[in-house]
Amino acid sequence: MRLDKFLKVSRIIKRRTVANEIIKKGYIEVNEKKAKPSSPLKIGDRIKIFFAKKVVTYEVLILKDSTKKEDATEMFKIISQEEK
């Protein structure tokens, strides 16, 4: 599954276009490497997102093409949160 789609489906980022912009600006890494919107994800990958005031690392648990809002949090696990 593409990184931008995963971020939208898991509801980490609400819209795919916003996810694309953030990825292109370099605010997201997958397994410690700068990512592209089309970067393929697999179970166990770690996604690090540099938000304005914090850095959050997620681990991919499940890959689904679509999900309900209640089930979206089952797709990932938060590994760490650091304040800037």
PDB file of N, CA and C in Angstrom:
ATOM      1  N   MET A   1       0.843  -1.175   0.000  1.00  0.00           N
ATOM      2  CA  MET A   1       0.000   0.000   0.000  1.00  0.00           C
ATOM      3  C   MET A   1       0.894   1.245   0.000  1.00  0.00           C
ATOM      4  N   ARG A   2       0.476   2.254  -0.711  1.00  0.00           N
ATOM      5  CA  ARG A   2       1.211   3.518  -0.767  1.00  0.00           C
ATOM      6  C   ARG A   2       1.152   4.236   0.576  1.00  0.00           C
ATOM      7  N   LEU A   3       2.198   4.967   0.888  1.00  0.00           N
ATOM      8  CA  LEU A   3       2.277   5.707   2.146  1.00  0.00           C
ATOM      9  C   LEU A   3       1.157   6.734   2.271  1.00  0.00           C
ATOM     10  N   ASP A   4       0.920   7.514   1.221  1.00  0.00           N
ATOM     11  CA  ASP A   4      -0.113   8.553   1.310  1.00  0.00           C
ATOM     12  C   ASP A   4      -1.497   7.961   1.549  1.00  0.00           C
ATOM     13  N   LYS A   5      -1.781   6.832   0.935  1.00  0.00           N
ATOM     14  CA  LYS A   5      -3.082   6.187   1.139  1.00  0.00           C
ATOM     15  C   LYS A   5      -3.198   5.636   2.558  1.00  0.00           C
ATOM     16  N   PHE A   6      -2.127   5.036   3.065  1.00  0.00           N
ATOM     17  CA  PHE A   6      -2.149   4.507   4.432  1.00  0.00           C
ATOM     18  C   PHE A   6      -2.436   5.620   5.444  1.00  0.00           C
ATOM     19  N   LEU A   7      -1.782   6.765   5.277  1.00  0.00           N
ATOM     20  CA  LEU A   7      -1.990   7.866   6.211  1.00  0.00           C
ATOM     21  C   LEU A   7      -3.436   8.342   6.209  1.00  0.00           C
ATOM     22  N   LYS A   8      -4.068   8.328   5.043  1.00  0.00           N
ATOM     23  CA  LYS A   8      -5.471   8.736   4.955  1.00  0.00           C
ATOM     24  C   LYS A   8      -6.403   7.684   5.534  1.00  0.00           C
ATOM     25  N   VAL A   9      -6.228   6.427   5.125  1.00  0.00           N
ATOM     26  CA  VAL A   9      -7.124   5.352   5.571  1.00  0.00           C
ATOM     27  C   VAL A   9      -7.029   5.153   7.083  1.00  0.00           C
ATOM     28  N   SER A  10      -5.824   5.270   7.630  1.00  0.00           N
ATOM     29  CA  SER A  10      -5.636   5.090   9.073  1.00  0.00           C
ATOM     30  C   SER A  10      -6.050   6.333   9.856  1.00  0.00           C
ATOM     31  N   ARG A  11      -6.330   7.405   9.146  1.00  0.00           N
ATOM     32  CA  ARG A  11      -6.757   8.677   9.722  1.00  0.00           C
ATOM     33  C   ARG A  11      -5.679   9.349  10.581  1.00  0.00           C
ATOM     34  N   ILE A  12      -4.430   9.031  10.306  1.00  0.00           N
ATOM     35  CA  ILE A  12      -3.330   9.771  10.925  1.00  0.00           C
ATOM     36  C   ILE A  12      -3.337  11.179  10.351  1.00  0.00           C
ATOM     37  N   ILE A  13      -3.571  11.271   9.030  1.00  0.00           N
ATOM     38  CA  ILE A  13      -3.754  12.551   8.341  1.00  0.00           C
ATOM     39  C   ILE A  13      -5.092  12.456   7.610  1.00  0.00           C
ATOM     40  N   LYS A  14      -5.908  13.472   7.738  1.00  0.00           N
ATOM     41  CA  LYS A  14      -7.303  13.394   7.286  1.00  0.00           C
ATOM     42  C   LYS A  14      -7.500  13.291   5.784  1.00  0.00           C
ATOM     43  N   ARG A  15      -6.642  13.964   4.980  1.00  0.00           N
ATOM     44  CA  ARG A  15      -6.831  13.960   3.532  1.00  0.00           C
ATOM     45  C   ARG A  15      -5.566  13.512   2.815  1.00  0.00           C
ATOM     46  N   ARG A  16      -5.749  12.811   1.731  1.00  0.00           N
ATOM     47  CA  ARG A  16      -4.612  12.289   0.972  1.00  0.00           C
ATOM     48  C   ARG A  16      -3.793  13.415   0.337  1.00  0.00           C
ATOM     49  N   THR A  17      -4.443  14.467  -0.103  1.00  0.00           N
ATOM     50  CA  THR A  17      -3.698  15.580  -0.701  1.00  0.00           C
ATOM     51  C   THR A  17      -2.812  16.258   0.339  1.00  0.00           C
ATOM     52  N   VAL A  18      -3.301  16.381   1.555  1.00  0.00           N
ATOM     53  CA  VAL A  18      -2.492  16.955   2.636  1.00  0.00           C
ATOM     54  C   VAL A  18      -1.324  16.029   2.944  1.00  0.00           C
ATOM     55  N   ALA A  19      -1.576  14.731   2.977  1.00  0.00           N
ATOM     56  CA  ALA A  19      -0.502  13.754   3.204  1.00  0.00           C
ATOM     57  C   ALA A  19       0.570  13.882   2.123  1.00  0.00           C
ATOM     58  N   ASN A  20       0.156  14.012   0.874  1.00  0.00           N
ATOM     59  CA  ASN A  20       1.109  14.186  -0.230  1.00  0.00           C
ATOM     60  C   ASN A  20       1.990  15.407  -0.026  1.00  0.00           C
ATOM     61  N   GLU A  21       1.390  16.527   0.349  1.00  0.00           N
ATOM     62  CA  GLU A  21       2.147  17.761   0.547  1.00  0.00           C
ATOM     63  C   GLU A  21       3.163  17.611   1.675  1.00  0.00           C
ATOM     64  N   ILE A  22       2.747  17.028   2.777  1.00  0.00           N
ATOM     65  CA  ILE A  22       3.631  16.857   3.935  1.00  0.00           C
ATOM     66  C   ILE A  22       4.795  15.920   3.586  1.00  0.00           C
ATOM     67  N   ILE A  23       4.504  14.866   2.881  1.00  0.00           N
ATOM     68  CA  ILE A  23       5.558  13.921   2.485  1.00  0.00           C
ATOM     69  C   ILE A  23       6.554  14.606   1.554  1.00  0.00           C
ATOM     70  N   LYS A  24       6.063  15.346   0.573  1.00  0.00           N
ATOM     71  CA  LYS A  24       6.939  16.018  -0.397  1.00  0.00           C
ATOM     72  C   LYS A  24       7.830  17.065   0.262  1.00  0.00           C
ATOM     73  N   LYS A  25       7.366  17.667   1.363  1.00  0.00           N
ATOM     74  CA  LYS A  25       8.167  18.662   2.079  1.00  0.00           C
ATOM     75  C   LYS A  25       9.221  18.012   2.976  1.00  0.00           C
ATOM     76  N   GLY A  26       9.178  16.688   3.103  1.00  0.00           N
ATOM     77  CA  GLY A  26      10.206  15.990   3.868  1.00  0.00           C
ATOM     78  C   GLY A  26       9.910  15.805   5.342  1.00  0.00           C
ATOM     79  N   TYR A  27       8.650  15.953   5.745  1.00  0.00           N
ATOM     80  CA  TYR A  27       8.291  15.820   7.152  1.00  0.00           C
ATOM     81  C   TYR A  27       7.988  14.388   7.575  1.00  0.00           C
ATOM     82  N   ILE A  28       8.122  13.428   6.667  1.00  0.00           N
ATOM     83  CA  ILE A  28       7.811  12.038   6.996  1.00  0.00           C
ATOM     84  C   ILE A  28       8.942  11.132   6.543  1.00  0.00           C
ATOM     85  N   GLU A  29       9.311  10.208   7.438  1.00  0.00           N
ATOM     86  CA  GLU A  29      10.322   9.200   7.136  1.00  0.00           C
ATOM     87  C   GLU A  29       9.705   7.820   7.327  1.00  0.00           C
ATOM     88  N   VAL A  30      10.147   6.882   6.507  1.00  0.00           N
ATOM     89  CA  VAL A  30       9.750   5.477   6.667  1.00  0.00           C
ATOM     90  C   VAL A  30      11.027   4.688   6.891  1.00  0.00           C
ATOM     91  N   ASN A  31      11.103   4.014   8.008  1.00  0.00           N
ATOM     92  CA  ASN A  31      12.296   3.240   8.383  1.00  0.00           C
ATOM     93  C   ASN A  31      13.565   4.087   8.297  1.00  0.00           C
ATOM     94  N   GLU A  32      13.494   5.297   8.872  1.00  0.00           N
ATOM     95  CA  GLU A  32      14.636   6.219   8.968  1.00  0.00           C
ATOM     96  C   GLU A  32      15.112   6.783   7.626  1.00  0.00           C
ATOM     97  N   LYS A  33      14.285   6.686   6.571  1.00  0.00           N
ATOM     98  CA  LYS A  33      14.640   7.241   5.257  1.00  0.00           C
ATOM     99  C   LYS A  33      13.549   8.200   4.812  1.00  0.00           C
ATOM    100  N   LYS A  34      13.942   9.278   4.133  1.00  0.00           N
ATOM    101  CA  LYS A  34      12.954  10.209   3.600  1.00  0.00           C
ATOM    102  C   LYS A  34      12.018   9.449   2.657  1.00  0.00           C
ATOM    103  N   ALA A  35      10.738   9.760   2.744  1.00  0.00           N
ATOM    104  CA  ALA A  35       9.739   9.019   1.992  1.00  0.00           C
ATOM    105  C   ALA A  35       9.206   9.825   0.815  1.00  0.00           C
ATOM    106  N   LYS A  36       8.560   9.113  -0.091  1.00  0.00           N
ATOM    107  CA  LYS A  36       7.806   9.700  -1.195  1.00  0.00           C
ATOM    108  C   LYS A  36       6.357   9.286  -1.001  1.00  0.00           C
ATOM    109  N   PRO A  37       5.396  10.007  -1.577  1.00  0.00           N
ATOM    110  CA  PRO A  37       3.993   9.616  -1.438  1.00  0.00           C
ATOM    111  C   PRO A  37       3.725   8.188  -1.913  1.00  0.00           C
ATOM    112  N   SER A  38       4.483   7.740  -2.902  1.00  0.00           N
ATOM    113  CA  SER A  38       4.259   6.401  -3.458  1.00  0.00           C
ATOM    114  C   SER A  38       5.090   5.322  -2.765  1.00  0.00           C
ATOM    115  N   SER A  39       5.804   5.674  -1.699  1.00  0.00           N
ATOM    116  CA  SER A  39       6.622   4.679  -0.993  1.00  0.00           C
ATOM    117  C   SER A  39       5.753   3.513  -0.544  1.00  0.00           C
ATOM    118  N   PRO A  40       6.157   2.283  -0.886  1.00  0.00           N
ATOM    119  CA  PRO A  40       5.347   1.131  -0.477  1.00  0.00           C
ATOM    120  C   PRO A  40       5.547   0.829   1.008  1.00  0.00           C
ATOM    121  N   LEU A  41       4.452   0.484   1.676  1.00  0.00           N
ATOM    122  CA  LEU A  41       4.508   0.112   3.085  1.00  0.00           C
ATOM    123  C   LEU A  41       4.234  -1.366   3.238  1.00  0.00           C
ATOM    124  N   LYS A  42       4.801  -1.949   4.277  1.00  0.00           N
ATOM    125  CA  LYS A  42       4.486  -3.331   4.642  1.00  0.00           C
ATOM    126  C   LYS A  42       4.335  -3.385   6.152  1.00  0.00           C
ATOM    127  N   ILE A  43       3.758  -4.437   6.644  1.00  0.00           N
ATOM    128  CA  ILE A  43       3.544  -4.589   8.074  1.00  0.00           C
ATOM    129  C   ILE A  43       4.897  -4.589   8.783  1.00  0.00           C
ATOM    130  N   GLY A  44       4.970  -3.825   9.863  1.00  0.00           N
ATOM    131  CA  GLY A  44       6.207  -3.714  10.632  1.00  0.00           C
ATOM    132  C   GLY A  44       7.023  -2.475  10.324  1.00  0.00           C
ATOM    133  N   ASP A  45       6.691  -1.763   9.249  1.00  0.00           N
ATOM    134  CA  ASP A  45       7.413  -0.529   8.919  1.00  0.00           C
ATOM    135  C   ASP A  45       7.157   0.530   9.992  1.00  0.00           C
ATOM    136  N   ARG A  46       8.137   1.407  10.169  1.00  0.00           N
ATOM    137  CA  ARG A  46       8.003   2.505  11.127  1.00  0.00           C
ATOM    138  C   ARG A  46       7.943   3.823  10.377  1.00  0.00           C
ATOM    139  N   ILE A  47       6.921   4.597  10.706  1.00  0.00           N
ATOM    140  CA  ILE A  47       6.693   5.893  10.082  1.00  0.00           C
ATOM    141  C   ILE A  47       6.948   6.969  11.124  1.00  0.00           C
ATOM    142  N   LYS A  48       7.834   7.906  10.813  1.00  0.00           N
ATOM    143  CA  LYS A  48       8.123   9.017  11.718  1.00  0.00           C
ATOM    144  C   LYS A  48       7.605  10.293  11.076  1.00  0.00           C
ATOM    145  N   ILE A  49       6.746  11.006  11.817  1.00  0.00           N
ATOM    146  CA  ILE A  49       6.158  12.240  11.301  1.00  0.00           C
ATOM    147  C   ILE A  49       6.601  13.404  12.182  1.00  0.00           C
ATOM    148  N   PHE A  50       7.134  14.425  11.528  1.00  0.00           N
ATOM    149  CA  PHE A  50       7.593  15.624  12.218  1.00  0.00           C
ATOM    150  C   PHE A  50       6.478  16.665  12.175  1.00  0.00           C
ATOM    151  N   PHE A  51       5.630  16.686  13.225  1.00  0.00           N
ATOM    152  CA  PHE A  51       4.574  17.684  13.337  1.00  0.00           C
ATOM    153  C   PHE A  51       5.191  18.988  13.839  1.00  0.00           C
ATOM    154  N   ALA A  52       4.402  20.053  13.934  1.00  0.00           N
ATOM    155  CA  ALA A  52       4.919  21.364  14.321  1.00  0.00           C
ATOM    156  C   ALA A  52       5.598  21.353  15.691  1.00  0.00           C
ATOM    157  N   LYS A  53       4.984  20.718  16.678  1.00  0.00           N
ATOM    158  CA  LYS A  53       5.530  20.761  18.035  1.00  0.00           C
ATOM    159  C   LYS A  53       5.947  19.409  18.589  1.00  0.00           C
ATOM    160  N   LYS A  54       5.823  18.353  17.783  1.00  0.00           N
ATOM    161  CA  LYS A  54       6.211  17.035  18.276  1.00  0.00           C
ATOM    162  C   LYS A  54       6.618  16.122  17.134  1.00  0.00           C
ATOM    163  N   VAL A  55       7.294  15.047  17.494  1.00  0.00           N
ATOM    164  CA  VAL A  55       7.699  14.017  16.539  1.00  0.00           C
ATOM    165  C   VAL A  55       7.061  12.714  17.016  1.00  0.00           C
ATOM    166  N   VAL A  56       6.288  12.073  16.135  1.00  0.00           N
ATOM    167  CA  VAL A  56       5.589  10.842  16.500  1.00  0.00           C
ATOM    168  C   VAL A  56       6.053   9.713  15.589  1.00  0.00           C
ATOM    169  N   THR A  57       6.347   8.561  16.200  1.00  0.00           N
ATOM    170  CA  THR A  57       6.747   7.376  15.445  1.00  0.00           C
ATOM    171  C   THR A  57       5.645   6.331  15.565  1.00  0.00           C
ATOM    172  N   TYR A  58       5.205   5.817  14.422  1.00  0.00           N
ATOM    173  CA  TYR A  58       4.148   4.809  14.352  1.00  0.00           C
ATOM    174  C   TYR A  58       4.723   3.516  13.793  1.00  0.00           C
ATOM    175  N   GLU A  59       4.112   2.387  14.176  1.00  0.00           N
ATOM    176  CA  GLU A  59       4.439   1.101  13.565  1.00  0.00           C
ATOM    177  C   GLU A  59       3.205   0.607  12.831  1.00  0.00           C
ATOM    178  N   VAL A  60       3.379   0.157  11.600  1.00  0.00           N
ATOM    179  CA  VAL A  60       2.272  -0.344  10.787  1.00  0.00           C
ATOM    180  C   VAL A  60       1.910  -1.754  11.270  1.00  0.00           C
ATOM    181  N   LEU A  61       0.638  -1.953  11.656  1.00  0.00           N
ATOM    182  CA  LEU A  61       0.179  -3.257  12.130  1.00  0.00           C
ATOM    183  C   LEU A  61      -0.674  -3.989  11.101  1.00  0.00           C
ATOM    184  N   ILE A  62      -1.534  -3.243  10.404  1.00  0.00           N
ATOM    185  CA  ILE A  62      -2.470  -3.836   9.439  1.00  0.00           C
ATOM    186  C   ILE A  62      -2.540  -2.926   8.211  1.00  0.00           C
ATOM    187  N   LEU A  63      -2.638  -3.517   7.037  1.00  0.00           N
ATOM    188  CA  LEU A  63      -2.838  -2.756   5.803  1.00  0.00           C
ATOM    189  C   LEU A  63      -4.215  -3.096   5.246  1.00  0.00           C
ATOM    190  N   LYS A  64      -5.094  -2.100   5.169  1.00  0.00           N
ATOM    191  CA  LYS A  64      -6.439  -2.269   4.611  1.00  0.00           C
ATOM    192  C   LYS A  64      -6.682  -1.159   3.606  1.00  0.00           C
ATOM    193  N   ASP A  65      -7.463  -1.462   2.568  1.00  0.00           N
ATOM    194  CA  ASP A  65      -7.792  -0.448   1.566  1.00  0.00           C
ATOM    195  C   ASP A  65      -8.804   0.566   2.074  1.00  0.00           C
ATOM    196  N   SER A  66      -9.648   0.155   3.000  1.00  0.00           N
ATOM    197  CA  SER A  66     -10.609   1.076   3.608  1.00  0.00           C
ATOM    198  C   SER A  66     -10.962   0.540   4.989  1.00  0.00           C
ATOM    199  N   THR A  67     -11.432   1.429   5.843  1.00  0.00           N
ATOM    200  CA  THR A  67     -11.787   1.029   7.195  1.00  0.00           C
ATOM    201  C   THR A  67     -12.780   2.015   7.787  1.00  0.00           C
ATOM    202  N   LYS A  68     -13.474   1.578   8.804  1.00  0.00           N
ATOM    203  CA  LYS A  68     -14.379   2.457   9.526  1.00  0.00           C
ATOM    204  C   LYS A  68     -13.570   3.305  10.496  1.00  0.00           C
ATOM    205  N   LYS A  69     -14.132   4.420  10.887  1.00  0.00           N
ATOM    206  CA  LYS A  69     -13.442   5.337  11.792  1.00  0.00           C
ATOM    207  C   LYS A  69     -13.027   4.642  13.090  1.00  0.00           C
ATOM    208  N   GLU A  70     -13.892   3.799  13.623  1.00  0.00           N
ATOM    209  CA  GLU A  70     -13.621   3.113  14.893  1.00  0.00           C
ATOM    210  C   GLU A  70     -12.465   2.124  14.771  1.00  0.00           C
ATOM    211  N   ASP A  71     -12.289   1.547  13.587  1.00  0.00           N
ATOM    212  CA  ASP A  71     -11.261   0.521  13.383  1.00  0.00           C
ATOM    213  C   ASP A  71      -9.929   1.080  12.888  1.00  0.00           C
ATOM    214  N   ALA A  72      -9.887   2.361  12.582  1.00  0.00           N
ATOM    215  CA  ALA A  72      -8.681   2.951  11.992  1.00  0.00           C
ATOM    216  C   ALA A  72      -7.480   2.870  12.923  1.00  0.00           C
ATOM    217  N   THR A  73      -7.690   3.009  14.225  1.00  0.00           N
ATOM    218  CA  THR A  73      -6.562   2.992  15.162  1.00  0.00           C
ATOM    219  C   THR A  73      -5.940   1.606  15.310  1.00  0.00           C
ATOM    220  N   GLU A  74      -6.607   0.575  14.813  1.00  0.00           N
ATOM    221  CA  GLU A  74      -6.037  -0.777  14.853  1.00  0.00           C
ATOM    222  C   GLU A  74      -4.973  -0.975  13.780  1.00  0.00           C
ATOM    223  N   MET A  75      -4.869  -0.043  12.840  1.00  0.00           N
ATOM    224  CA  MET A  75      -3.919  -0.177  11.740  1.00  0.00           C
ATOM    225  C   MET A  75      -2.493   0.181  12.136  1.00  0.00           C
ATOM    226  N   PHE A  76      -2.326   0.887  13.264  1.00  0.00           N
ATOM    227  CA  PHE A  76      -1.000   1.330  13.674  1.00  0.00           C
ATOM    228  C   PHE A  76      -0.875   1.336  15.190  1.00  0.00           C
ATOM    229  N   LYS A  77       0.366   1.418  15.645  1.00  0.00           N
ATOM    230  CA  LYS A  77       0.654   1.542  17.065  1.00  0.00           C
ATOM    231  C   LYS A  77       1.634   2.704  17.212  1.00  0.00           C
ATOM    232  N   ILE A  78       1.390   3.556  18.198  1.00  0.00           N
ATOM    233  CA  ILE A  78       2.313   4.664  18.454  1.00  0.00           C
ATOM    234  C   ILE A  78       3.491   4.127  19.254  1.00  0.00           C
ATOM    235  N   ILE A  79       4.682   4.267  18.695  1.00  0.00           N
ATOM    236  CA  ILE A  79       5.906   3.784  19.339  1.00  0.00           C
ATOM    237  C   ILE A  79       6.467   4.847  20.282  1.00  0.00           C
ATOM    238  N   SER A  80       6.532   6.103  19.814  1.00  0.00           N
ATOM    239  CA  SER A  80       7.054   7.170  20.660  1.00  0.00           C
ATOM    240  C   SER A  80       6.496   8.521  20.254  1.00  0.00           C
ATOM    241  N   GLN A  81       6.472   9.430  21.225  1.00  0.00           N
ATOM    242  CA  GLN A  81       6.081  10.816  20.998  1.00  0.00           C
ATOM    243  C   GLN A  81       7.103  11.688  21.712  1.00  0.00           C
ATOM    244  N   GLU A  82       7.699  12.602  20.984  1.00  0.00           N
ATOM    245  CA  GLU A  82       8.703  13.492  21.561  1.00  0.00           C
ATOM    246  C   GLU A  82       8.270  14.931  21.321  1.00  0.00           C
ATOM    247  N   GLU A  83       8.337  15.756  22.365  1.00  0.00           N
ATOM    248  CA  GLU A  83       8.065  17.185  22.213  1.00  0.00           C
ATOM    249  C   GLU A  83       9.309  17.854  21.651  1.00  0.00           C
ATOM    250  N   LYS A  84       9.101  18.822  20.787  1.00  0.00           N
ATOM    251  CA  LYS A  84      10.253  19.559  20.211  1.00  0.00           C
ATOM    252  C   LYS A  84      10.703  20.647  21.164  1.00  0.00           C
TER     253      LYS A  84
END
